[in-house]
N, C-alpha and C. Protein backbone atom coordinates (compact mmCIF):
# COMPACT_ATOMS: atom_id res chain seq x y z
N MET A 1 -8.31 5.13 31.14
CA MET A 1 -9.63 4.79 30.65
C MET A 1 -9.48 3.92 29.40
N GLU A 2 -10.14 2.82 29.37
CA GLU A 2 -10.08 1.90 28.23
C GLU A 2 -11.12 2.32 27.20
N MET A 3 -10.70 2.35 25.95
CA MET A 3 -11.63 2.73 24.89
C MET A 3 -12.49 1.54 24.52
N THR A 4 -13.75 1.79 24.24
CA THR A 4 -14.68 0.74 23.85
C THR A 4 -14.47 0.40 22.38
N MET A 5 -14.33 -0.86 22.11
CA MET A 5 -14.22 -1.32 20.73
C MET A 5 -15.48 -2.11 20.41
N LYS A 6 -16.05 -1.87 19.27
CA LYS A 6 -17.26 -2.59 18.85
C LYS A 6 -16.86 -4.01 18.45
N ARG A 7 -17.66 -4.95 18.83
CA ARG A 7 -17.39 -6.35 18.51
C ARG A 7 -17.26 -6.52 17.00
N GLY A 8 -16.17 -7.08 16.55
CA GLY A 8 -15.96 -7.33 15.13
C GLY A 8 -15.27 -6.20 14.39
N ASP A 9 -15.16 -5.01 14.96
CA ASP A 9 -14.48 -3.90 14.30
C ASP A 9 -13.42 -3.35 15.25
N PRO A 10 -12.17 -3.76 15.06
CA PRO A 10 -11.13 -3.30 15.98
C PRO A 10 -10.84 -1.80 15.85
N PHE A 11 -11.39 -1.16 14.84
CA PHE A 11 -11.15 0.27 14.62
C PHE A 11 -12.29 1.15 15.15
N PHE A 12 -13.29 0.57 15.77
CA PHE A 12 -14.43 1.34 16.26
C PHE A 12 -14.03 2.11 17.51
N VAL A 13 -14.36 3.42 17.53
CA VAL A 13 -14.08 4.24 18.71
C VAL A 13 -15.32 5.06 19.07
N LYS A 14 -15.42 5.39 20.33
CA LYS A 14 -16.42 6.33 20.80
C LYS A 14 -15.67 7.60 21.13
N ILE A 15 -16.05 8.67 20.47
CA ILE A 15 -15.30 9.92 20.61
C ILE A 15 -15.24 10.40 22.05
N ASP A 16 -16.29 10.17 22.81
CA ASP A 16 -16.31 10.64 24.20
C ASP A 16 -15.35 9.87 25.09
N GLU A 17 -14.85 8.73 24.62
CA GLU A 17 -13.91 7.93 25.42
C GLU A 17 -12.45 8.18 25.04
N VAL A 18 -12.23 9.07 24.08
CA VAL A 18 -10.85 9.40 23.69
C VAL A 18 -10.40 10.56 24.57
N PRO A 19 -9.37 10.35 25.40
CA PRO A 19 -8.91 11.44 26.26
C PRO A 19 -8.25 12.54 25.43
N LYS A 20 -8.33 13.78 25.92
CA LYS A 20 -7.76 14.92 25.19
C LYS A 20 -6.26 14.78 25.01
N ASN A 21 -5.58 14.19 25.96
CA ASN A 21 -4.12 14.02 25.83
C ASN A 21 -3.77 12.81 24.97
N GLY A 22 -4.78 12.10 24.50
CA GLY A 22 -4.55 11.02 23.55
C GLY A 22 -4.30 9.67 24.19
N ARG A 23 -4.17 8.71 23.32
CA ARG A 23 -3.93 7.34 23.73
C ARG A 23 -3.21 6.63 22.61
N THR A 24 -2.29 5.76 22.99
CA THR A 24 -1.58 4.94 22.00
C THR A 24 -2.19 3.55 22.03
N LEU A 25 -2.50 3.04 20.86
CA LEU A 25 -3.12 1.73 20.76
C LEU A 25 -2.32 0.84 19.82
N ALA A 26 -2.35 -0.44 20.08
CA ALA A 26 -1.77 -1.44 19.19
C ALA A 26 -2.80 -2.56 19.08
N ILE A 27 -3.17 -2.86 17.84
CA ILE A 27 -4.15 -3.92 17.65
C ILE A 27 -3.63 -4.91 16.61
N GLU A 28 -3.96 -6.17 16.83
CA GLU A 28 -3.62 -7.21 15.87
C GLU A 28 -4.79 -7.31 14.89
N LEU A 29 -4.45 -7.32 13.62
CA LEU A 29 -5.47 -7.36 12.58
C LEU A 29 -5.65 -8.78 12.08
N GLY A 30 -6.87 -9.18 11.90
CA GLY A 30 -7.16 -10.53 11.45
C GLY A 30 -6.68 -10.77 10.02
N SER A 31 -6.33 -12.00 9.74
CA SER A 31 -5.84 -12.33 8.40
C SER A 31 -6.91 -12.10 7.34
N ASP A 32 -8.19 -12.24 7.69
CA ASP A 32 -9.27 -11.96 6.74
C ASP A 32 -9.27 -10.49 6.33
N TRP A 33 -9.05 -9.61 7.30
CA TRP A 33 -9.04 -8.17 7.01
C TRP A 33 -7.92 -7.85 6.03
N VAL A 34 -6.74 -8.37 6.29
CA VAL A 34 -5.59 -8.08 5.42
C VAL A 34 -5.77 -8.73 4.06
N ALA A 35 -6.16 -9.99 4.03
CA ALA A 35 -6.30 -10.72 2.77
C ALA A 35 -7.31 -10.05 1.84
N SER A 36 -8.34 -9.45 2.40
CA SER A 36 -9.35 -8.80 1.56
C SER A 36 -8.80 -7.56 0.85
N LEU A 37 -7.70 -7.02 1.33
CA LEU A 37 -7.12 -5.82 0.74
C LEU A 37 -5.96 -6.11 -0.22
N LEU A 38 -5.43 -7.33 -0.18
CA LEU A 38 -4.28 -7.66 -1.01
C LEU A 38 -4.70 -7.86 -2.46
N THR A 39 -3.85 -7.43 -3.37
CA THR A 39 -4.10 -7.66 -4.79
C THR A 39 -3.63 -9.07 -5.15
N GLN A 40 -3.86 -9.48 -6.40
CA GLN A 40 -3.50 -10.84 -6.82
C GLN A 40 -2.00 -11.10 -6.72
N ALA A 41 -1.19 -10.08 -6.80
CA ALA A 41 0.26 -10.26 -6.78
C ALA A 41 0.77 -10.67 -5.40
N TYR A 42 0.01 -10.42 -4.34
CA TYR A 42 0.47 -10.62 -2.98
C TYR A 42 -0.30 -11.72 -2.26
N SER A 43 0.38 -12.31 -1.27
CA SER A 43 -0.30 -13.22 -0.34
C SER A 43 0.22 -12.91 1.06
N LEU A 44 -0.50 -13.37 2.06
CA LEU A 44 -0.11 -13.10 3.44
C LEU A 44 1.21 -13.76 3.78
N GLY A 45 1.99 -13.05 4.58
CA GLY A 45 3.26 -13.60 5.05
C GLY A 45 3.06 -14.32 6.36
N GLY A 46 4.12 -14.44 7.13
CA GLY A 46 4.11 -15.24 8.34
C GLY A 46 3.44 -14.62 9.55
N LYS A 47 3.89 -13.44 9.97
CA LYS A 47 3.39 -12.85 11.22
C LYS A 47 2.02 -12.20 11.01
N PRO A 48 1.23 -12.15 12.09
CA PRO A 48 -0.05 -11.43 11.99
C PRO A 48 0.20 -9.93 11.78
N ALA A 49 -0.70 -9.29 11.08
CA ALA A 49 -0.60 -7.86 10.83
C ALA A 49 -0.96 -7.08 12.09
N ARG A 50 -0.32 -5.91 12.24
CA ARG A 50 -0.57 -5.07 13.41
C ARG A 50 -0.76 -3.62 12.98
N ALA A 51 -1.52 -2.91 13.77
CA ALA A 51 -1.65 -1.47 13.60
C ALA A 51 -1.27 -0.83 14.93
N GLU A 52 -0.35 0.12 14.88
CA GLU A 52 0.03 0.90 16.06
C GLU A 52 -0.25 2.34 15.74
N PHE A 53 -1.00 3.01 16.62
CA PHE A 53 -1.35 4.39 16.32
C PHE A 53 -1.67 5.16 17.59
N GLU A 54 -1.55 6.48 17.45
CA GLU A 54 -1.95 7.41 18.49
C GLU A 54 -3.26 8.02 18.04
N ILE A 55 -4.16 8.18 18.97
CA ILE A 55 -5.42 8.84 18.66
C ILE A 55 -5.59 9.97 19.66
N GLU A 56 -5.74 11.19 19.15
CA GLU A 56 -5.87 12.38 19.99
C GLU A 56 -7.20 13.05 19.68
N ARG A 57 -7.70 13.79 20.66
CA ARG A 57 -8.98 14.47 20.50
C ARG A 57 -8.79 15.96 20.67
N ASP A 58 -9.39 16.72 19.76
CA ASP A 58 -9.43 18.18 19.87
C ASP A 58 -10.89 18.56 19.66
N HIS A 59 -11.63 18.77 20.76
CA HIS A 59 -13.07 19.00 20.74
C HIS A 59 -13.75 17.78 20.10
N ASP A 60 -14.42 17.96 18.96
CA ASP A 60 -15.08 16.83 18.30
C ASP A 60 -14.26 16.28 17.14
N ASN A 61 -13.02 16.67 17.05
CA ASN A 61 -12.13 16.20 15.98
C ASN A 61 -11.15 15.17 16.55
N LEU A 62 -10.86 14.16 15.76
CA LEU A 62 -9.87 13.16 16.15
C LEU A 62 -8.71 13.21 15.18
N VAL A 63 -7.51 13.07 15.71
CA VAL A 63 -6.32 12.96 14.88
C VAL A 63 -5.74 11.57 15.12
N VAL A 64 -5.53 10.83 14.03
CA VAL A 64 -4.98 9.48 14.11
C VAL A 64 -3.66 9.47 13.37
N LYS A 65 -2.59 9.08 14.07
CA LYS A 65 -1.26 8.96 13.45
C LYS A 65 -0.75 7.57 13.78
N GLY A 66 -0.27 6.87 12.77
CA GLY A 66 0.19 5.53 13.07
C GLY A 66 0.89 4.84 11.93
N GLU A 67 1.01 3.53 12.10
CA GLU A 67 1.72 2.71 11.14
C GLU A 67 1.12 1.31 11.15
N LEU A 68 1.06 0.72 9.98
CA LEU A 68 0.68 -0.68 9.86
C LEU A 68 1.95 -1.51 9.72
N GLU A 69 1.87 -2.74 10.10
CA GLU A 69 2.97 -3.69 9.87
C GLU A 69 2.36 -4.96 9.32
N VAL A 70 2.62 -5.22 8.03
CA VAL A 70 1.98 -6.35 7.34
C VAL A 70 3.05 -7.16 6.62
N ASP A 71 3.15 -8.45 6.94
CA ASP A 71 4.06 -9.35 6.23
C ASP A 71 3.36 -9.88 4.98
N VAL A 72 4.04 -9.75 3.84
CA VAL A 72 3.49 -10.24 2.58
C VAL A 72 4.55 -11.05 1.85
N SER A 73 4.09 -11.86 0.93
CA SER A 73 5.00 -12.57 0.03
C SER A 73 4.47 -12.38 -1.38
N TYR A 74 5.40 -12.39 -2.34
CA TYR A 74 5.03 -12.21 -3.73
C TYR A 74 6.15 -12.72 -4.61
N ALA A 75 5.84 -12.94 -5.87
CA ALA A 75 6.85 -13.31 -6.86
C ALA A 75 7.30 -12.03 -7.55
N CYS A 76 8.60 -11.83 -7.64
CA CYS A 76 9.14 -10.65 -8.30
C CYS A 76 8.60 -10.60 -9.73
N SER A 77 8.13 -9.44 -10.15
CA SER A 77 7.54 -9.33 -11.49
C SER A 77 8.60 -9.31 -12.59
N ARG A 78 9.89 -9.24 -12.21
CA ARG A 78 10.96 -9.26 -13.22
C ARG A 78 11.63 -10.62 -13.33
N CYS A 79 11.93 -11.23 -12.18
CA CYS A 79 12.70 -12.49 -12.22
C CYS A 79 11.93 -13.69 -11.65
N SER A 80 10.75 -13.47 -11.12
CA SER A 80 9.88 -14.51 -10.54
C SER A 80 10.40 -15.10 -9.24
N GLU A 81 11.42 -14.51 -8.65
CA GLU A 81 11.94 -14.99 -7.36
C GLU A 81 10.90 -14.71 -6.27
N GLU A 82 10.70 -15.68 -5.37
CA GLU A 82 9.75 -15.52 -4.27
C GLU A 82 10.36 -14.59 -3.22
N VAL A 83 9.60 -13.59 -2.77
CA VAL A 83 10.09 -12.56 -1.86
C VAL A 83 9.18 -12.47 -0.64
N GLN A 84 9.76 -12.33 0.53
CA GLN A 84 9.03 -12.08 1.78
C GLN A 84 9.39 -10.67 2.23
N ARG A 85 8.41 -9.82 2.48
CA ARG A 85 8.65 -8.44 2.89
C ARG A 85 7.70 -8.05 4.00
N THR A 86 8.11 -7.06 4.78
CA THR A 86 7.23 -6.46 5.75
C THR A 86 6.95 -5.04 5.28
N LEU A 87 5.69 -4.76 5.01
CA LEU A 87 5.28 -3.42 4.62
C LEU A 87 4.98 -2.62 5.88
N ARG A 88 5.41 -1.37 5.92
CA ARG A 88 5.17 -0.49 7.08
C ARG A 88 4.66 0.88 6.62
N PRO A 89 3.46 0.90 6.03
CA PRO A 89 2.93 2.21 5.62
C PRO A 89 2.52 3.05 6.82
N LYS A 90 2.84 4.33 6.75
CA LYS A 90 2.48 5.28 7.80
C LYS A 90 1.23 6.04 7.37
N LEU A 91 0.51 6.57 8.35
CA LEU A 91 -0.69 7.33 8.04
C LEU A 91 -0.92 8.43 9.05
N THR A 92 -1.56 9.47 8.60
CA THR A 92 -2.05 10.55 9.44
C THR A 92 -3.42 10.93 8.91
N ALA A 93 -4.41 10.94 9.77
CA ALA A 93 -5.77 11.24 9.34
C ALA A 93 -6.46 12.11 10.38
N ILE A 94 -7.35 12.94 9.89
CA ILE A 94 -8.15 13.79 10.77
C ILE A 94 -9.61 13.43 10.54
N PHE A 95 -10.33 13.15 11.62
CA PHE A 95 -11.75 12.86 11.57
C PHE A 95 -12.50 14.06 12.11
N VAL A 96 -13.42 14.58 11.32
CA VAL A 96 -14.21 15.74 11.72
C VAL A 96 -15.69 15.40 11.57
N PRO A 97 -16.55 16.06 12.35
CA PRO A 97 -17.98 15.80 12.19
C PRO A 97 -18.41 16.09 10.75
N ALA A 98 -19.25 15.24 10.20
CA ALA A 98 -19.66 15.38 8.80
C ALA A 98 -20.34 16.71 8.54
N LYS A 99 -20.97 17.28 9.53
CA LYS A 99 -21.69 18.54 9.36
C LYS A 99 -20.81 19.76 9.67
N ALA A 100 -19.52 19.56 9.88
CA ALA A 100 -18.63 20.69 10.18
C ALA A 100 -18.56 21.61 8.97
N HIS A 101 -18.69 22.89 9.23
CA HIS A 101 -18.68 23.86 8.12
C HIS A 101 -17.27 24.23 7.70
N SER A 102 -16.36 24.27 8.66
CA SER A 102 -14.98 24.59 8.30
C SER A 102 -14.05 23.97 9.33
N VAL A 103 -12.90 23.61 8.86
CA VAL A 103 -11.87 23.04 9.72
C VAL A 103 -10.56 23.72 9.35
N ARG A 104 -9.85 24.17 10.35
CA ARG A 104 -8.55 24.80 10.10
C ARG A 104 -7.46 23.77 10.36
N LEU A 105 -6.76 23.35 9.31
CA LEU A 105 -5.72 22.35 9.47
C LEU A 105 -4.56 22.86 10.32
N GLU A 106 -4.40 24.19 10.42
CA GLU A 106 -3.32 24.75 11.23
C GLU A 106 -3.50 24.41 12.71
N ASP A 107 -4.74 24.08 13.11
CA ASP A 107 -5.00 23.77 14.51
C ASP A 107 -4.41 22.41 14.91
N PHE A 108 -4.02 21.62 13.93
CA PHE A 108 -3.51 20.28 14.21
C PHE A 108 -2.01 20.25 13.99
N GLU A 109 -1.29 19.71 14.98
CA GLU A 109 0.16 19.55 14.81
C GLU A 109 0.40 18.45 13.80
N ASN A 110 1.35 18.71 12.92
CA ASN A 110 1.66 17.70 11.91
C ASN A 110 3.11 17.84 11.51
N ASP A 111 3.90 16.80 11.81
CA ASP A 111 5.31 16.85 11.43
C ASP A 111 5.55 16.18 10.09
N ASP A 112 4.50 15.68 9.45
CA ASP A 112 4.64 15.08 8.13
C ASP A 112 4.67 16.17 7.08
N ASP A 113 5.41 15.93 6.00
CA ASP A 113 5.41 16.88 4.89
C ASP A 113 4.19 16.69 4.01
N GLY A 114 3.60 15.49 4.05
CA GLY A 114 2.44 15.21 3.22
C GLY A 114 1.18 15.83 3.80
N LEU A 115 0.18 15.88 2.99
CA LEU A 115 -1.10 16.41 3.46
C LEU A 115 -1.82 15.36 4.29
N ASP A 116 -2.60 15.84 5.24
CA ASP A 116 -3.42 14.94 6.04
C ASP A 116 -4.63 14.51 5.23
N ASP A 117 -5.09 13.30 5.50
CA ASP A 117 -6.35 12.84 4.93
C ASP A 117 -7.44 13.23 5.91
N MET A 118 -8.54 13.74 5.40
CA MET A 118 -9.63 14.17 6.26
C MET A 118 -10.85 13.30 5.98
N TYR A 119 -11.48 12.83 7.03
CA TYR A 119 -12.65 11.97 6.94
C TYR A 119 -13.76 12.54 7.80
N GLY A 120 -14.98 12.47 7.28
CA GLY A 120 -16.13 12.91 8.06
C GLY A 120 -16.73 11.74 8.82
N TYR A 121 -17.37 12.04 9.93
CA TYR A 121 -18.05 11.00 10.70
C TYR A 121 -19.38 11.52 11.20
N GLU A 122 -20.26 10.59 11.51
CA GLU A 122 -21.56 10.93 12.10
C GLU A 122 -21.72 10.12 13.36
N GLY A 123 -22.40 10.71 14.34
CA GLY A 123 -22.65 10.01 15.59
C GLY A 123 -21.48 10.15 16.55
N ARG A 124 -21.61 9.52 17.71
CA ARG A 124 -20.57 9.61 18.74
C ARG A 124 -19.66 8.39 18.73
N GLY A 125 -20.00 7.39 17.94
CA GLY A 125 -19.16 6.21 17.78
C GLY A 125 -19.04 5.88 16.30
N PHE A 126 -17.83 5.59 15.85
CA PHE A 126 -17.62 5.33 14.43
C PHE A 126 -16.30 4.57 14.24
N SER A 127 -16.10 4.09 13.03
CA SER A 127 -14.89 3.32 12.70
C SER A 127 -13.83 4.25 12.11
N ILE A 128 -12.60 4.08 12.53
CA ILE A 128 -11.47 4.84 11.97
C ILE A 128 -10.67 3.95 11.01
N GLU A 129 -11.31 2.96 10.44
CA GLU A 129 -10.65 1.96 9.60
C GLU A 129 -10.14 2.51 8.27
N GLN A 130 -10.87 3.42 7.63
CA GLN A 130 -10.58 3.82 6.25
C GLN A 130 -9.15 4.30 6.01
N PRO A 131 -8.54 5.12 6.87
CA PRO A 131 -7.15 5.51 6.59
C PRO A 131 -6.17 4.33 6.63
N PHE A 132 -6.49 3.31 7.40
CA PHE A 132 -5.64 2.12 7.43
C PHE A 132 -5.79 1.33 6.12
N VAL A 133 -7.02 1.23 5.64
CA VAL A 133 -7.27 0.58 4.35
C VAL A 133 -6.52 1.33 3.24
N ASP A 134 -6.65 2.65 3.25
CA ASP A 134 -5.99 3.47 2.23
C ASP A 134 -4.47 3.32 2.28
N ALA A 135 -3.89 3.36 3.48
CA ALA A 135 -2.43 3.25 3.62
C ALA A 135 -1.92 1.92 3.09
N LEU A 136 -2.61 0.83 3.43
CA LEU A 136 -2.16 -0.48 2.96
C LEU A 136 -2.34 -0.59 1.45
N SER A 137 -3.49 -0.15 0.95
CA SER A 137 -3.75 -0.24 -0.49
C SER A 137 -2.72 0.53 -1.30
N LEU A 138 -2.33 1.70 -0.83
CA LEU A 138 -1.35 2.52 -1.56
C LEU A 138 0.08 1.96 -1.47
N SER A 139 0.34 1.10 -0.50
CA SER A 139 1.69 0.53 -0.38
C SER A 139 1.88 -0.72 -1.25
N LEU A 140 0.80 -1.20 -1.86
CA LEU A 140 0.86 -2.39 -2.71
C LEU A 140 1.08 -1.96 -4.16
N VAL A 141 2.32 -2.03 -4.61
CA VAL A 141 2.61 -1.65 -6.00
C VAL A 141 2.09 -2.74 -6.94
N PRO A 142 1.64 -2.37 -8.14
CA PRO A 142 1.06 -3.36 -9.04
C PRO A 142 2.04 -4.43 -9.52
N TYR A 143 3.30 -4.06 -9.69
CA TYR A 143 4.31 -5.01 -10.17
C TYR A 143 5.48 -5.01 -9.20
N PRO A 144 5.37 -5.74 -8.09
CA PRO A 144 6.43 -5.72 -7.08
C PRO A 144 7.70 -6.41 -7.58
N VAL A 145 8.84 -5.90 -7.15
CA VAL A 145 10.13 -6.46 -7.55
C VAL A 145 10.93 -6.85 -6.30
N CYS A 146 11.89 -7.74 -6.49
CA CYS A 146 12.72 -8.18 -5.36
C CYS A 146 13.71 -7.08 -4.97
N ALA A 147 14.20 -6.34 -5.96
CA ALA A 147 15.12 -5.22 -5.73
C ALA A 147 15.03 -4.29 -6.93
N GLU A 148 15.21 -3.02 -6.71
CA GLU A 148 15.11 -2.06 -7.81
C GLU A 148 16.11 -2.37 -8.92
N GLN A 149 17.26 -2.91 -8.56
CA GLN A 149 18.27 -3.21 -9.57
C GLN A 149 18.12 -4.60 -10.19
N CYS A 150 16.99 -5.26 -9.95
CA CYS A 150 16.75 -6.58 -10.52
C CYS A 150 16.73 -6.48 -12.05
N ASP A 151 17.53 -7.31 -12.70
CA ASP A 151 17.62 -7.29 -14.16
C ASP A 151 16.58 -8.20 -14.81
N GLY A 152 15.91 -8.98 -14.03
CA GLY A 152 14.89 -9.87 -14.59
C GLY A 152 15.48 -11.21 -14.96
N VAL A 153 14.72 -11.98 -15.68
CA VAL A 153 15.12 -13.32 -16.09
C VAL A 153 16.23 -13.21 -17.12
N ASP A 154 17.30 -14.00 -16.94
CA ASP A 154 18.41 -14.00 -17.88
C ASP A 154 18.06 -14.99 -19.00
N VAL A 155 17.80 -14.43 -20.14
CA VAL A 155 17.43 -15.25 -21.29
C VAL A 155 18.68 -15.46 -22.13
N ALA A 156 19.07 -16.72 -22.29
CA ALA A 156 20.25 -17.03 -23.10
C ALA A 156 19.85 -16.96 -24.57
N HIS A 157 20.59 -16.17 -25.33
CA HIS A 157 20.33 -16.07 -26.76
C HIS A 157 21.20 -17.09 -27.48
N PRO A 158 20.59 -17.90 -28.32
CA PRO A 158 21.39 -18.89 -29.05
C PRO A 158 22.38 -18.17 -29.97
N ALA A 159 23.51 -18.80 -30.16
CA ALA A 159 24.53 -18.21 -31.03
C ALA A 159 23.93 -18.01 -32.41
N ALA A 160 24.25 -16.89 -32.99
CA ALA A 160 23.70 -16.57 -34.32
C ALA A 160 24.26 -17.56 -35.34
N GLU A 161 23.35 -18.28 -35.93
CA GLU A 161 23.76 -19.22 -36.97
C GLU A 161 23.72 -18.50 -38.31
N GLU A 162 24.48 -19.04 -39.26
CA GLU A 162 24.45 -18.43 -40.56
C GLU A 162 23.05 -18.57 -41.14
N GLU A 163 22.56 -17.46 -41.63
CA GLU A 163 21.20 -17.45 -42.15
C GLU A 163 21.10 -18.24 -43.44
N VAL A 164 20.10 -19.06 -43.49
CA VAL A 164 19.82 -19.78 -44.73
C VAL A 164 18.79 -18.95 -45.48
N VAL A 165 19.16 -18.55 -46.69
CA VAL A 165 18.29 -17.70 -47.48
C VAL A 165 17.49 -18.55 -48.45
N ASP A 166 16.23 -18.25 -48.51
CA ASP A 166 15.33 -18.94 -49.44
C ASP A 166 15.82 -18.63 -50.86
N PRO A 167 16.06 -19.65 -51.67
CA PRO A 167 16.60 -19.42 -53.02
C PRO A 167 15.71 -18.54 -53.88
N ARG A 168 14.45 -18.42 -53.57
CA ARG A 168 13.58 -17.57 -54.37
C ARG A 168 13.93 -16.09 -54.23
N TRP A 169 14.66 -15.74 -53.12
CA TRP A 169 15.07 -14.35 -52.92
C TRP A 169 16.41 -14.05 -53.61
N GLY A 170 17.00 -15.04 -54.24
CA GLY A 170 18.29 -14.89 -54.92
C GLY A 170 18.35 -13.73 -55.89
N PRO A 171 17.41 -13.60 -56.84
CA PRO A 171 17.47 -12.48 -57.78
C PRO A 171 17.41 -11.12 -57.07
N LEU A 172 16.63 -11.01 -55.98
CA LEU A 172 16.56 -9.75 -55.24
C LEU A 172 17.89 -9.46 -54.55
N ALA A 173 18.55 -10.50 -54.02
CA ALA A 173 19.85 -10.31 -53.39
C ALA A 173 20.90 -9.85 -54.40
N GLU A 174 20.84 -10.38 -55.61
CA GLU A 174 21.77 -9.95 -56.67
C GLU A 174 21.54 -8.47 -57.02
N LEU A 175 20.27 -8.07 -57.09
CA LEU A 175 19.94 -6.69 -57.39
C LEU A 175 20.45 -5.76 -56.29
N LYS A 176 20.32 -6.20 -55.05
CA LYS A 176 20.78 -5.42 -53.89
C LYS A 176 22.29 -5.22 -53.96
N LYS A 177 23.04 -6.27 -54.33
CA LYS A 177 24.49 -6.16 -54.45
C LYS A 177 24.86 -5.15 -55.52
N LYS A 178 24.18 -5.18 -56.67
CA LYS A 178 24.48 -4.27 -57.78
C LYS A 178 24.21 -2.81 -57.37
N LEU A 179 23.17 -2.59 -56.61
CA LEU A 179 22.82 -1.22 -56.21
C LEU A 179 23.81 -0.66 -55.20
N LYS A 180 24.45 -1.50 -54.39
CA LYS A 180 25.38 -1.04 -53.37
C LYS A 180 26.72 -0.63 -53.99
N ARG A 181 27.00 -1.00 -55.19
CA ARG A 181 28.31 -0.68 -55.79
C ARG A 181 28.44 0.74 -56.06
C-alpha cells in the first residue's frame, strides 16, 4: 500500500495508511527545505539531501526511526580551510494523539540509549517533519572545524627586537635597578 503524501510536504502521512508492520521510506529533500535550516556558517553541498526512515504504527501512535543525509560545506572556524562534509543525524520520534492522557514508552521498542522525542498530532493526517528539522538543527555546531586536532591559523611571530625605551622612563629604570640589589 502506498502512503499518501500531501502536495508540497514530503513528510505528510495519513495514519490510516501506515501498515501495522511498518514501512521504510526514502525521500529526497528539496534544497529550499535544507537551506532554510542551515546557519550562516554552512552552505549546501553537492548531493541532494535525503531522509531514510521506518514508520511503524501501534494503534493511533506512530514511531519514526531514521536518518538524514545532508551534504554541507563550511569554512573551518579555526583555520578557515574550506570543508565538505556529509552530516548523518539519526532520529527516533513517537507521534501520539494530542488528546492522549498517558503514553507508556515501554510499549515501544527502542534500541537507542537516548530518550525518544514525543510529538502530539491532531487529525488523521499530519506532518512528521519536526523530528527531522530538530535532528538537522542539532547536528549543526556553531563553530565547525575541519578536524578536532586543528591548530588554527599559524601566525608567525616576528623575532623579538631589542626594546627601545623612551628616555623619559630612564630615572624609573635606574630606581628599579637600585631596588633589585
